[in-house]
């Protein structure tokens, strides 16, 4: 009985040495079959074991990261606009967001990326800084279309013309049939479809005599005539 106990204790010590790599399996009296009892020693073996035992968690983690990337791209990354609008009016964020979503359907896909997008930049609320930003947008900015109250757009037009001696907004007679550089969105097909009745919003196109002006004119014409594109 004591001999069996001693032999069992010896086998356990031998097995422990074998697992720790202190003895080679071929020199050991204990022969394991079906699995490797040797503990991982090299960094490669440890990495392999880690990946094997945690493969489910790793796969789930990768899927969560991919999902987070998709959500971030969808909701937080600003899409490249086909038309950029400068808003002189201090409209609420909900109204501007509604304009962006509603007007996007009326802009052609000028950059051929398969999407129709409109972005509205809000004027700086400070009077002095707002004037500086507005004139910078008119001279050098990326905004092709301007919206706001009739009085705001007329004041901007007259101030710039007096300062530089040239008109800043394009003649929209080819769209409306009447001479003028402003269109009341309430009287457009877009305005009627979106039921713009109480909010005073006029639209003007920046006069640049280039492709951006032609794109803006096409966009405003679509608003006026009611030509819109089905969004995917």
Foldseek 3Di string as FASTA:
>chain_A
DVVVVVVVVVVVVLLVCLQDVVDDQVPGPDDDPDDRSHHDDDPVSVVVVVCVVCVVVVVVVVVVVVVVVVVCCVPPNDDDAPAEEEEAAPDDPVVQVVCFVLLQQLADPVVPPQGRTYHYDYADPDPVSSVVVVVCCLVPNPHFKYKYAPVVVVVVQVVVCVVPVDGFFDFLCVQVVDTDFKDFLCQAPSNVVVVPDPDTMIMTGTDDPDPSSVSVSSSVSCRRHVDGHDGD
